[in-house]
Amino acid sequence: MADVDDFRIYHYDPSLAATILFIILSTPPTMLHIYQCLATRTYFLTPLIIGGLFEIVGYTGRAIASTQTPNWTLGPYIMQSLLLLLAPLCFAATIYIELGRIVKAVDGEGCCIINLRWLTKLFVAGDVMSFFVQGGGGGIMSHGSNYRLGSDIIVAGLILQLVFFGFFIAVAASFDRNIRRHPTTLSRGGLFPWYKHLVTLYVASALIMVRNIVRLVEYVQGNDGYVLGHEVFLYVFDALLMLGVVGVFTVIHPSEIKAMLRGGMVVHNLIQMRHK
């Protein structure tokens, strides 16, 4: 791991074109989620929207930094580092909440290894802990002189997140298996195609898991590591994957789950709404 004297904000000239491209790609689906959320009152998507905004503002900070080469300042770097680090935690919170809604919608509590009362609370609590640990580590690391301490704290936060996320995937897979073996009346009915929403959780979870593993390798290697020294890793294993998370929830919108539980409007063809 790099010593304090070896600390550099960037080991390359950040690409302004790539940063602007991902700002352009990230903005429409995030704005669409805001519209969809308000139109259908699917408010448990709020963490996802916050994560999308974190991505946009984070890459805006990186765009500012790319115009400062080689005299980078800490402000844009801190903006980028913290927000891009924390955005996936917001996405994960929505995933945790949605699984609880799916279990409830199909009356499948008996097929879940965790009591529905604690299902969402447990994973969101772990998510919040990871958020503050990684946020604290990122704040410490951004000062440079405390890079090693901050990086170690972030590693601890990422490991905590991976543990909770791995357990969550196991819980979701267990529920999937059990409800297939012992289907409920609601899970067998054709009125609520719940399984596509569970598949969406699998896809989003896989994207976040891959991103978190690459991020963990990045911080374990340190400031002089191979991953941090090559910009392509940020865009392929972070920006692109997180864009996929936002996108998959745009297409398979959870308003259908909310409507199954409480009635109301659902998203139809991205921007159209219909009453369920």
C-alpha atoms as a PDB file:
ATOM      1  CA  MET A   1       0.000   0.000   0.000  1.00  0.00           C
ATOM      2  CA  ALA A   2       1.226   3.487  -0.787  1.00  0.00           C
ATOM      3  CA  ASP A   3       2.943   5.624   1.808  1.00  0.00           C
ATOM      4  CA  VAL A   4       1.710   9.133   2.561  1.00  0.00           C
ATOM      5  CA  ASP A   5       4.473  10.619   0.436  1.00  0.00           C
ATOM      6  CA  ASP A   6       3.314   8.544  -2.544  1.00  0.00           C
ATOM      7  CA  PHE A   7      -0.272   9.773  -2.363  1.00  0.00           C
ATOM      8  CA  ARG A   8      -1.608  11.198  -5.605  1.00  0.00           C
ATOM      9  CA  ILE A   9      -5.168  12.219  -6.354  1.00  0.00           C
ATOM     10  CA  TYR A  10      -4.954  10.661  -9.831  1.00  0.00           C
ATOM     11  CA  HIS A  11      -2.332   8.511 -11.541  1.00  0.00           C
ATOM     12  CA  TYR A  12      -3.539   9.604 -14.973  1.00  0.00           C
ATOM     13  CA  ASP A  13      -5.330  12.510 -16.615  1.00  0.00           C
ATOM     14  CA  PRO A  14      -9.071  11.859 -16.034  1.00  0.00           C
ATOM     15  CA  SER A  15     -11.005  11.693 -19.286  1.00  0.00           C
ATOM     16  CA  LEU A  16     -13.445  14.577 -19.590  1.00  0.00           C
ATOM     17  CA  ALA A  17     -15.206  12.895 -22.526  1.00  0.00           C
ATOM     18  CA  ALA A  18     -15.844   9.656 -20.612  1.00  0.00           C
ATOM     19  CA  THR A  19     -17.081  11.548 -17.578  1.00  0.00           C
ATOM     20  CA  ILE A  20     -19.485  13.685 -19.601  1.00  0.00           C
ATOM     21  CA  LEU A  21     -20.707  10.564 -21.406  1.00  0.00           C
ATOM     22  CA  PHE A  22     -21.718   8.912 -18.136  1.00  0.00           C
ATOM     23  CA  ILE A  23     -23.335  12.092 -16.837  1.00  0.00           C
ATOM     24  CA  ILE A  24     -25.417  12.132 -20.017  1.00  0.00           C
ATOM     25  CA  LEU A  25     -26.225   8.422 -19.721  1.00  0.00           C
ATOM     26  CA  SER A  26     -27.080   8.565 -16.003  1.00  0.00           C
ATOM     27  CA  THR A  27     -29.276  11.659 -15.982  1.00  0.00           C
ATOM     28  CA  PRO A  28     -32.306  10.527 -18.076  1.00  0.00           C
ATOM     29  CA  PRO A  29     -33.015   7.265 -16.170  1.00  0.00           C
ATOM     30  CA  THR A  30     -32.609   9.016 -12.820  1.00  0.00           C
ATOM     31  CA  MET A  31     -34.976  11.808 -13.834  1.00  0.00           C
ATOM     32  CA  LEU A  32     -37.372   9.188 -15.200  1.00  0.00           C
ATOM     33  CA  HIS A  33     -37.277   7.387 -11.850  1.00  0.00           C
ATOM     34  CA  ILE A  34     -38.241  10.605 -10.084  1.00  0.00           C
ATOM     35  CA  TYR A  35     -41.226  10.989 -12.410  1.00  0.00           C
ATOM     36  CA  GLN A  36     -42.216   7.328 -12.065  1.00  0.00           C
ATOM     37  CA  CYS A  37     -41.880   7.425  -8.292  1.00  0.00           C
ATOM     38  CA  LEU A  38     -44.080  10.493  -7.908  1.00  0.00           C
ATOM     39  CA  ALA A  39     -46.646   9.376 -10.489  1.00  0.00           C
ATOM     40  CA  THR A  40     -47.115   5.944  -8.906  1.00  0.00           C
ATOM     41  CA  ARG A  41     -46.274   6.883  -5.304  1.00  0.00           C
ATOM     42  CA  THR A  42     -43.696   4.116  -5.133  1.00  0.00           C
ATOM     43  CA  TYR A  43     -41.769   5.926  -2.439  1.00  0.00           C
ATOM     44  CA  PHE A  44     -39.594   3.003  -1.380  1.00  0.00           C
ATOM     45  CA  LEU A  45     -37.606   3.780  -4.546  1.00  0.00           C
ATOM     46  CA  THR A  46     -36.325   6.972  -2.900  1.00  0.00           C
ATOM     47  CA  PRO A  47     -32.931   5.420  -1.984  1.00  0.00           C
ATOM     48  CA  LEU A  48     -32.474   4.370  -5.621  1.00  0.00           C
ATOM     49  CA  ILE A  49     -33.159   7.921  -6.767  1.00  0.00           C
ATOM     50  CA  ILE A  50     -30.712   9.311  -4.209  1.00  0.00           C
ATOM     51  CA  GLY A  51     -28.107   6.854  -5.482  1.00  0.00           C
ATOM     52  CA  GLY A  52     -28.717   7.998  -9.047  1.00  0.00           C
ATOM     53  CA  LEU A  53     -28.275  11.623  -8.012  1.00  0.00           C
ATOM     54  CA  PHE A  54     -25.070  10.663  -6.173  1.00  0.00           C
ATOM     55  CA  GLU A  55     -23.765   9.184  -9.427  1.00  0.00           C
ATOM     56  CA  ILE A  56     -24.593  12.306 -11.442  1.00  0.00           C
ATOM     57  CA  VAL A  57     -23.084  14.733  -8.920  1.00  0.00           C
ATOM     58  CA  GLY A  58     -20.092  12.442  -8.366  1.00  0.00           C
ATOM     59  CA  TYR A  59     -19.240  12.368 -12.053  1.00  0.00           C
ATOM     60  CA  THR A  60     -19.803  16.107 -12.221  1.00  0.00           C
ATOM     61  CA  GLY A  61     -17.066  16.443  -9.608  1.00  0.00           C
ATOM     62  CA  ARG A  62     -14.850  14.205 -11.700  1.00  0.00           C
ATOM     63  CA  ALA A  63     -15.576  16.328 -14.783  1.00  0.00           C
ATOM     64  CA  ILE A  64     -14.464  19.419 -12.873  1.00  0.00           C
ATOM     65  CA  ALA A  65     -11.301  17.607 -11.788  1.00  0.00           C
ATOM     66  CA  SER A  66     -10.536  16.623 -15.374  1.00  0.00           C
ATOM     67  CA  THR A  67     -10.305  20.314 -16.291  1.00  0.00           C
ATOM     68  CA  GLN A  68      -7.743  20.937 -13.531  1.00  0.00           C
ATOM     69  CA  THR A  69      -5.022  18.561 -14.768  1.00  0.00           C
ATOM     70  CA  PRO A  70      -2.410  18.384 -13.328  1.00  0.00           C
ATOM     71  CA  ASN A  71      -3.248  20.834 -10.528  1.00  0.00           C
ATOM     72  CA  TRP A  72      -6.178  18.943  -9.040  1.00  0.00           C
ATOM     73  CA  THR A  73      -7.931  20.360  -5.996  1.00  0.00           C
ATOM     74  CA  LEU A  74      -9.475  18.365  -3.166  1.00  0.00           C
ATOM     75  CA  GLY A  75     -13.063  19.629  -3.534  1.00  0.00           C
ATOM     76  CA  PRO A  76     -14.008  17.869  -6.791  1.00  0.00           C
ATOM     77  CA  TYR A  77     -11.994  14.797  -5.757  1.00  0.00           C
ATOM     78  CA  ILE A  78     -13.868  14.485  -2.459  1.00  0.00           C
ATOM     79  CA  MET A  79     -17.191  14.997  -4.264  1.00  0.00           C
ATOM     80  CA  GLN A  80     -16.368  12.212  -6.714  1.00  0.00           C
ATOM     81  CA  SER A  81     -14.791   9.801  -4.242  1.00  0.00           C
ATOM     82  CA  LEU A  82     -17.510   9.918  -1.600  1.00  0.00           C
ATOM     83  CA  LEU A  83     -20.593   9.998  -3.817  1.00  0.00           C
ATOM     84  CA  LEU A  84     -19.473   7.283  -6.235  1.00  0.00           C
ATOM     85  CA  LEU A  85     -18.407   5.137  -3.287  1.00  0.00           C
ATOM     86  CA  LEU A  86     -21.744   5.497  -1.477  1.00  0.00           C
ATOM     87  CA  ALA A  87     -24.233   5.405  -4.383  1.00  0.00           C
ATOM     88  CA  PRO A  88     -24.397   1.572  -4.572  1.00  0.00           C
ATOM     89  CA  LEU A  89     -25.361   1.451  -0.894  1.00  0.00           C
ATOM     90  CA  CYS A  90     -28.442   3.483  -1.778  1.00  0.00           C
ATOM     91  CA  PHE A  91     -29.237   1.090  -4.620  1.00  0.00           C
ATOM     92  CA  ALA A  92     -28.826  -1.849  -2.244  1.00  0.00           C
ATOM     93  CA  ALA A  93     -31.314  -0.319   0.213  1.00  0.00           C
ATOM     94  CA  THR A  94     -34.029  -0.328  -2.453  1.00  0.00           C
ATOM     95  CA  ILE A  95     -33.205  -3.949  -3.311  1.00  0.00           C
ATOM     96  CA  TYR A  96     -33.561  -4.967   0.336  1.00  0.00           C
ATOM     97  CA  ILE A  97     -36.882  -3.171   0.678  1.00  0.00           C
ATOM     98  CA  GLU A  98     -38.249  -4.643  -2.537  1.00  0.00           C
ATOM     99  CA  LEU A  99     -37.606  -8.238  -1.483  1.00  0.00           C
ATOM    100  CA  GLY A 100     -39.731  -7.658   1.612  1.00  0.00           C
ATOM    101  CA  ARG A 101     -42.507  -6.240  -0.565  1.00  0.00           C
ATOM    102  CA  ILE A 102     -42.362  -9.263  -2.884  1.00  0.00           C
ATOM    103  CA  VAL A 103     -42.571 -11.724   0.015  1.00  0.00           C
ATOM    104  CA  LYS A 104     -45.560  -9.865   1.425  1.00  0.00           C
ATOM    105  CA  ALA A 105     -47.282  -9.507  -1.954  1.00  0.00           C
ATOM    106  CA  VAL A 106     -47.317 -13.268  -2.583  1.00  0.00           C
ATOM    107  CA  ASP A 107     -48.090 -14.127   1.052  1.00  0.00           C
ATOM    108  CA  GLY A 108     -44.807 -16.003   1.169  1.00  0.00           C
ATOM    109  CA  GLU A 109     -43.582 -15.292   4.688  1.00  0.00           C
ATOM    110  CA  GLY A 110     -43.631 -19.001   5.473  1.00  0.00           C
ATOM    111  CA  CYS A 111     -41.132 -19.559   2.647  1.00  0.00           C
ATOM    112  CA  CYS A 112     -38.643 -16.977   3.924  1.00  0.00           C
ATOM    113  CA  ILE A 113     -35.977 -17.992   6.450  1.00  0.00           C
ATOM    114  CA  ILE A 114     -36.180 -14.569   8.118  1.00  0.00           C
ATOM    115  CA  ASN A 115     -39.358 -13.248   9.689  1.00  0.00           C
ATOM    116  CA  LEU A 116     -40.902 -10.638   7.405  1.00  0.00           C
ATOM    117  CA  ARG A 117     -41.013  -8.208  10.315  1.00  0.00           C
ATOM    118  CA  TRP A 118     -37.206  -8.217  10.466  1.00  0.00           C
ATOM    119  CA  LEU A 119     -36.288  -8.942   6.853  1.00  0.00           C
ATOM    120  CA  THR A 120     -36.006  -5.396   5.545  1.00  0.00           C
ATOM    121  CA  LYS A 121     -34.879  -3.930   8.872  1.00  0.00           C
ATOM    122  CA  LEU A 122     -31.930  -6.324   9.169  1.00  0.00           C
ATOM    123  CA  PHE A 123     -30.468  -5.636   5.755  1.00  0.00           C
ATOM    124  CA  VAL A 124     -31.168  -1.902   5.760  1.00  0.00           C
ATOM    125  CA  ALA A 125     -29.456  -1.682   9.166  1.00  0.00           C
ATOM    126  CA  GLY A 126     -26.405  -3.408   7.697  1.00  0.00           C
ATOM    127  CA  ASP A 127     -26.577  -1.069   4.719  1.00  0.00           C
ATOM    128  CA  VAL A 128     -26.668   1.991   6.980  1.00  0.00           C
ATOM    129  CA  MET A 129     -23.681   0.721   8.967  1.00  0.00           C
ATOM    130  CA  SER A 130     -21.739   0.162   5.748  1.00  0.00           C
ATOM    131  CA  PHE A 131     -22.753   3.634   4.563  1.00  0.00           C
ATOM    132  CA  PHE A 132     -21.349   5.387   7.612  1.00  0.00           C
ATOM    133  CA  VAL A 133     -18.208   3.247   7.779  1.00  0.00           C
ATOM    134  CA  GLN A 134     -17.384   3.817   4.111  1.00  0.00           C
ATOM    135  CA  GLY A 135     -18.400   7.471   4.284  1.00  0.00           C
ATOM    136  CA  GLY A 136     -16.180   8.026   7.310  1.00  0.00           C
ATOM    137  CA  GLY A 137     -13.295   6.229   5.651  1.00  0.00           C
ATOM    138  CA  GLY A 138     -13.744   8.226   2.471  1.00  0.00           C
ATOM    139  CA  GLY A 139     -13.760  11.483   4.409  1.00  0.00           C
ATOM    140  CA  ILE A 140     -10.533  10.550   6.205  1.00  0.00           C
ATOM    141  CA  MET A 141      -8.852   9.250   3.056  1.00  0.00           C
ATOM    142  CA  SER A 142      -9.611  12.371   1.032  1.00  0.00           C
ATOM    143  CA  HIS A 143      -7.162  14.398   3.115  1.00  0.00           C
ATOM    144  CA  GLY A 144      -4.235  12.425   1.735  1.00  0.00           C
ATOM    145  CA  SER A 145      -2.150  12.473   4.908  1.00  0.00           C
ATOM    146  CA  ASN A 146      -4.544   9.907   6.414  1.00  0.00           C
ATOM    147  CA  TYR A 147      -4.944   7.901   3.219  1.00  0.00           C
ATOM    148  CA  ARG A 148      -3.903   4.548   4.691  1.00  0.00           C
ATOM    149  CA  LEU A 149      -6.262   4.796   7.676  1.00  0.00           C
ATOM    150  CA  GLY A 150      -9.157   5.946   5.510  1.00  0.00           C
ATOM    151  CA  SER A 151      -8.517   3.200   2.981  1.00  0.00           C
ATOM    152  CA  ASP A 152      -8.459   0.531   5.710  1.00  0.00           C
ATOM    153  CA  ILE A 153     -11.782   1.812   7.061  1.00  0.00           C
ATOM    154  CA  ILE A 154     -13.306   1.690   3.573  1.00  0.00           C
ATOM    155  CA  VAL A 155     -12.054  -1.890   3.167  1.00  0.00           C
ATOM    156  CA  ALA A 156     -13.806  -2.786   6.429  1.00  0.00           C
ATOM    157  CA  GLY A 157     -17.002  -1.111   5.188  1.00  0.00           C
ATOM    158  CA  LEU A 158     -16.842  -2.919   1.846  1.00  0.00           C
ATOM    159  CA  ILE A 159     -16.305  -6.269   3.555  1.00  0.00           C
ATOM    160  CA  LEU A 160     -19.283  -5.554   5.817  1.00  0.00           C
ATOM    161  CA  GLN A 161     -21.371  -4.682   2.780  1.00  0.00           C
ATOM    162  CA  LEU A 162     -20.296  -7.854   0.954  1.00  0.00           C
ATOM    163  CA  VAL A 163     -21.180 -10.005   3.975  1.00  0.00           C
ATOM    164  CA  PHE A 164     -24.677  -8.533   4.254  1.00  0.00           C
ATOM    165  CA  PHE A 165     -25.150  -8.619   0.494  1.00  0.00           C
ATOM    166  CA  GLY A 166     -24.039 -12.232   0.248  1.00  0.00           C
ATOM    167  CA  PHE A 167     -26.423 -13.175   3.050  1.00  0.00           C
ATOM    168  CA  PHE A 168     -29.213 -11.274   1.325  1.00  0.00           C
ATOM    169  CA  ILE A 169     -28.676 -13.185  -1.925  1.00  0.00           C
ATOM    170  CA  ALA A 170     -28.772 -16.443   0.039  1.00  0.00           C
ATOM    171  CA  VAL A 171     -32.050 -15.398   1.694  1.00  0.00           C
ATOM    172  CA  ALA A 172     -33.578 -14.409  -1.663  1.00  0.00           C
ATOM    173  CA  ALA A 173     -32.467 -17.675  -3.284  1.00  0.00           C
ATOM    174  CA  SER A 174     -33.846 -19.661  -0.350  1.00  0.00           C
ATOM    175  CA  PHE A 175     -37.197 -17.887  -0.636  1.00  0.00           C
ATOM    176  CA  ASP A 176     -37.207 -18.546  -4.387  1.00  0.00           C
ATOM    177  CA  ARG A 177     -36.582 -22.265  -3.871  1.00  0.00           C
ATOM    178  CA  ASN A 178     -39.081 -22.656  -1.037  1.00  0.00           C
ATOM    179  CA  ILE A 179     -41.952 -20.865  -2.729  1.00  0.00           C
ATOM    180  CA  ARG A 180     -41.433 -22.967  -5.838  1.00  0.00           C
ATOM    181  CA  ARG A 181     -41.686 -26.102  -3.732  1.00  0.00           C
ATOM    182  CA  HIS A 182     -44.610 -24.823  -1.672  1.00  0.00           C
ATOM    183  CA  PRO A 183     -46.373 -22.183  -3.798  1.00  0.00           C
ATOM    184  CA  THR A 184     -48.975 -19.926  -2.252  1.00  0.00           C
ATOM    185  CA  THR A 185     -52.272 -19.047  -3.880  1.00  0.00           C
ATOM    186  CA  LEU A 186     -50.987 -15.592  -4.782  1.00  0.00           C
ATOM    187  CA  SER A 187     -47.674 -16.845  -6.147  1.00  0.00           C
ATOM    188  CA  ARG A 188     -49.512 -19.221  -8.497  1.00  0.00           C
ATOM    189  CA  GLY A 189     -51.926 -16.587  -9.740  1.00  0.00           C
ATOM    190  CA  GLY A 190     -51.331 -14.912 -13.070  1.00  0.00           C
ATOM    191  CA  LEU A 191     -52.549 -11.495 -11.949  1.00  0.00           C
ATOM    192  CA  PHE A 192     -49.201 -10.624 -10.383  1.00  0.00           C
ATOM    193  CA  PRO A 193     -46.092 -11.668 -12.341  1.00  0.00           C
ATOM    194  CA  TRP A 194     -43.951 -11.430  -9.233  1.00  0.00           C
ATOM    195  CA  TYR A 195     -41.101 -13.593 -10.446  1.00  0.00           C
ATOM    196  CA  LYS A 196     -39.822 -11.034 -12.954  1.00  0.00           C
ATOM    197  CA  HIS A 197     -39.306  -8.654 -10.029  1.00  0.00           C
ATOM    198  CA  LEU A 198     -37.322 -11.288  -8.151  1.00  0.00           C
ATOM    199  CA  VAL A 199     -35.175 -11.834 -11.252  1.00  0.00           C
ATOM    200  CA  THR A 200     -34.629  -8.073 -11.373  1.00  0.00           C
ATOM    201  CA  LEU A 201     -33.293  -8.249  -7.821  1.00  0.00           C
ATOM    202  CA  TYR A 202     -30.925 -11.038  -8.845  1.00  0.00           C
ATOM    203  CA  VAL A 203     -29.612  -9.011 -11.792  1.00  0.00           C
ATOM    204  CA  ALA A 204     -29.175  -5.814  -9.769  1.00  0.00           C
ATOM    205  CA  SER A 205     -27.565  -7.735  -6.908  1.00  0.00           C
ATOM    206  CA  ALA A 206     -25.078  -9.408  -9.258  1.00  0.00           C
ATOM    207  CA  LEU A 207     -24.086  -6.048 -10.752  1.00  0.00           C
ATOM    208  CA  ILE A 208     -23.544  -4.495  -7.325  1.00  0.00           C
ATOM    209  CA  MET A 209     -21.670  -7.554  -6.060  1.00  0.00           C
ATOM    210  CA  VAL A 210     -19.195  -7.462  -8.968  1.00  0.00           C
ATOM    211  CA  ARG A 211     -18.702  -3.739  -8.455  1.00  0.00           C
ATOM    212  CA  ASN A 212     -18.077  -4.182  -4.731  1.00  0.00           C
ATOM    213  CA  ILE A 213     -15.509  -6.935  -5.282  1.00  0.00           C
ATOM    214  CA  VAL A 214     -13.556  -4.775  -7.738  1.00  0.00           C
ATOM    215  CA  ARG A 215     -13.752  -1.829  -5.342  1.00  0.00           C
ATOM    216  CA  LEU A 216     -12.488  -4.016  -2.514  1.00  0.00           C
ATOM    217  CA  VAL A 217      -9.506  -5.087  -4.629  1.00  0.00           C
ATOM    218  CA  GLU A 218      -8.877  -1.425  -5.457  1.00  0.00           C
ATOM    219  CA  TYR A 219      -8.677  -0.331  -1.834  1.00  0.00           C
ATOM    220  CA  VAL A 220      -6.703  -3.388  -0.725  1.00  0.00           C
ATOM    221  CA  GLN A 221      -4.096  -2.628  -3.406  1.00  0.00           C
ATOM    222  CA  GLY A 222      -3.913   0.977  -2.243  1.00  0.00           C
ATOM    223  CA  ASN A 223      -3.137   4.278  -3.926  1.00  0.00           C
ATOM    224  CA  ASP A 224      -0.325   2.765  -5.991  1.00  0.00           C
ATOM    225  CA  GLY A 225      -2.355  -0.290  -7.040  1.00  0.00           C
ATOM    226  CA  TYR A 226      -3.109  -1.460 -10.554  1.00  0.00           C
ATOM    227  CA  VAL A 227      -6.888  -0.943 -10.369  1.00  0.00           C
ATOM    228  CA  LEU A 228      -6.716   2.634  -9.091  1.00  0.00           C
ATOM    229  CA  GLY A 229      -4.001   3.421 -11.621  1.00  0.00           C
ATOM    230  CA  HIS A 230      -6.160   2.548 -14.641  1.00  0.00           C
ATOM    231  CA  GLU A 231      -9.252   4.627 -15.358  1.00  0.00           C
ATOM    232  CA  VAL A 232     -10.955   1.894 -17.368  1.00  0.00           C
ATOM    233  CA  PHE A 233     -11.799  -0.023 -14.167  1.00  0.00           C
ATOM    234  CA  LEU A 234     -13.902   2.880 -12.878  1.00  0.00           C
ATOM    235  CA  TYR A 235     -16.053   3.033 -15.988  1.00  0.00           C
ATOM    236  CA  VAL A 236     -16.362  -0.691 -16.770  1.00  0.00           C
ATOM    237  CA  PHE A 237     -16.735  -2.056 -13.226  1.00  0.00           C
ATOM    238  CA  ASP A 238     -18.471   0.867 -11.532  1.00  0.00           C
ATOM    239  CA  ALA A 239     -20.124   3.420 -13.802  1.00  0.00           C
ATOM    240  CA  LEU A 240     -21.425   0.921 -16.363  1.00  0.00           C
ATOM    241  CA  LEU A 241     -22.610  -1.591 -13.769  1.00  0.00           C
ATOM    242  CA  MET A 242     -24.407   1.027 -11.671  1.00  0.00           C
ATOM    243  CA  LEU A 243     -26.033   2.430 -14.794  1.00  0.00           C
ATOM    244  CA  GLY A 244     -27.307  -1.101 -15.382  1.00  0.00           C
ATOM    245  CA  VAL A 245     -28.831  -1.192 -11.886  1.00  0.00           C
ATOM    246  CA  VAL A 246     -30.714   2.061 -12.459  1.00  0.00           C
ATOM    247  CA  GLY A 247     -31.763   0.917 -15.918  1.00  0.00           C
ATOM    248  CA  VAL A 248     -33.154  -2.474 -14.926  1.00  0.00           C
ATOM    249  CA  PHE A 249     -35.437  -0.886 -12.323  1.00  0.00           C
ATOM    250  CA  THR A 250     -36.584   1.630 -14.918  1.00  0.00           C
ATOM    251  CA  VAL A 251     -37.761  -1.142 -17.229  1.00  0.00           C
ATOM    252  CA  ILE A 252     -39.085  -3.584 -14.585  1.00  0.00           C
ATOM    253  CA  HIS A 253     -40.628  -1.000 -12.321  1.00  0.00           C
ATOM    254  CA  PRO A 254     -41.509  -1.960  -8.709  1.00  0.00           C
ATOM    255  CA  SER A 255     -44.722   0.087  -8.814  1.00  0.00           C
ATOM    256  CA  GLU A 256     -46.407  -3.194  -9.757  1.00  0.00           C
ATOM    257  CA  ILE A 257     -45.481  -4.584  -6.348  1.00  0.00           C
ATOM    258  CA  LYS A 258     -46.771  -1.496  -4.574  1.00  0.00           C
ATOM    259  CA  ALA A 259     -50.040  -1.722  -6.514  1.00  0.00           C
ATOM    260  CA  MET A 260     -50.394  -5.393  -5.600  1.00  0.00           C
ATOM    261  CA  LEU A 261     -50.228  -4.456  -1.932  1.00  0.00           C
ATOM    262  CA  ARG A 262     -52.092  -1.155  -1.871  1.00  0.00           C
ATOM    263  CA  GLY A 263     -53.557  -0.544  -5.306  1.00  0.00           C
ATOM    264  CA  GLY A 264     -52.892   2.550  -7.380  1.00  0.00           C
ATOM    265  CA  MET A 265     -50.979   3.400 -10.527  1.00  0.00           C
ATOM    266  CA  VAL A 266     -48.267   1.311 -12.161  1.00  0.00           C
ATOM    267  CA  VAL A 267     -45.680   2.195 -14.787  1.00  0.00           C
ATOM    268  CA  HIS A 268     -46.570   1.027 -18.282  1.00  0.00           C
ATOM    269  CA  ASN A 269     -44.079   1.466 -21.152  1.00  0.00           C
ATOM    270  CA  LEU A 270     -41.672   3.627 -19.107  1.00  0.00           C
ATOM    271  CA  ILE A 271     -43.615   6.902 -19.125  1.00  0.00           C
ATOM    272  CA  GLN A 272     -47.245   5.800 -19.342  1.00  0.00           C
ATOM    273  CA  MET A 273     -49.245   5.038 -16.207  1.00  0.00           C
ATOM    274  CA  ARG A 274     -52.260   2.843 -15.730  1.00  0.00           C
ATOM    275  CA  HIS A 275     -54.426   1.874 -12.785  1.00  0.00           C
ATOM    276  CA  LYS A 276     -53.865  -1.586 -11.398  1.00  0.00           C
END
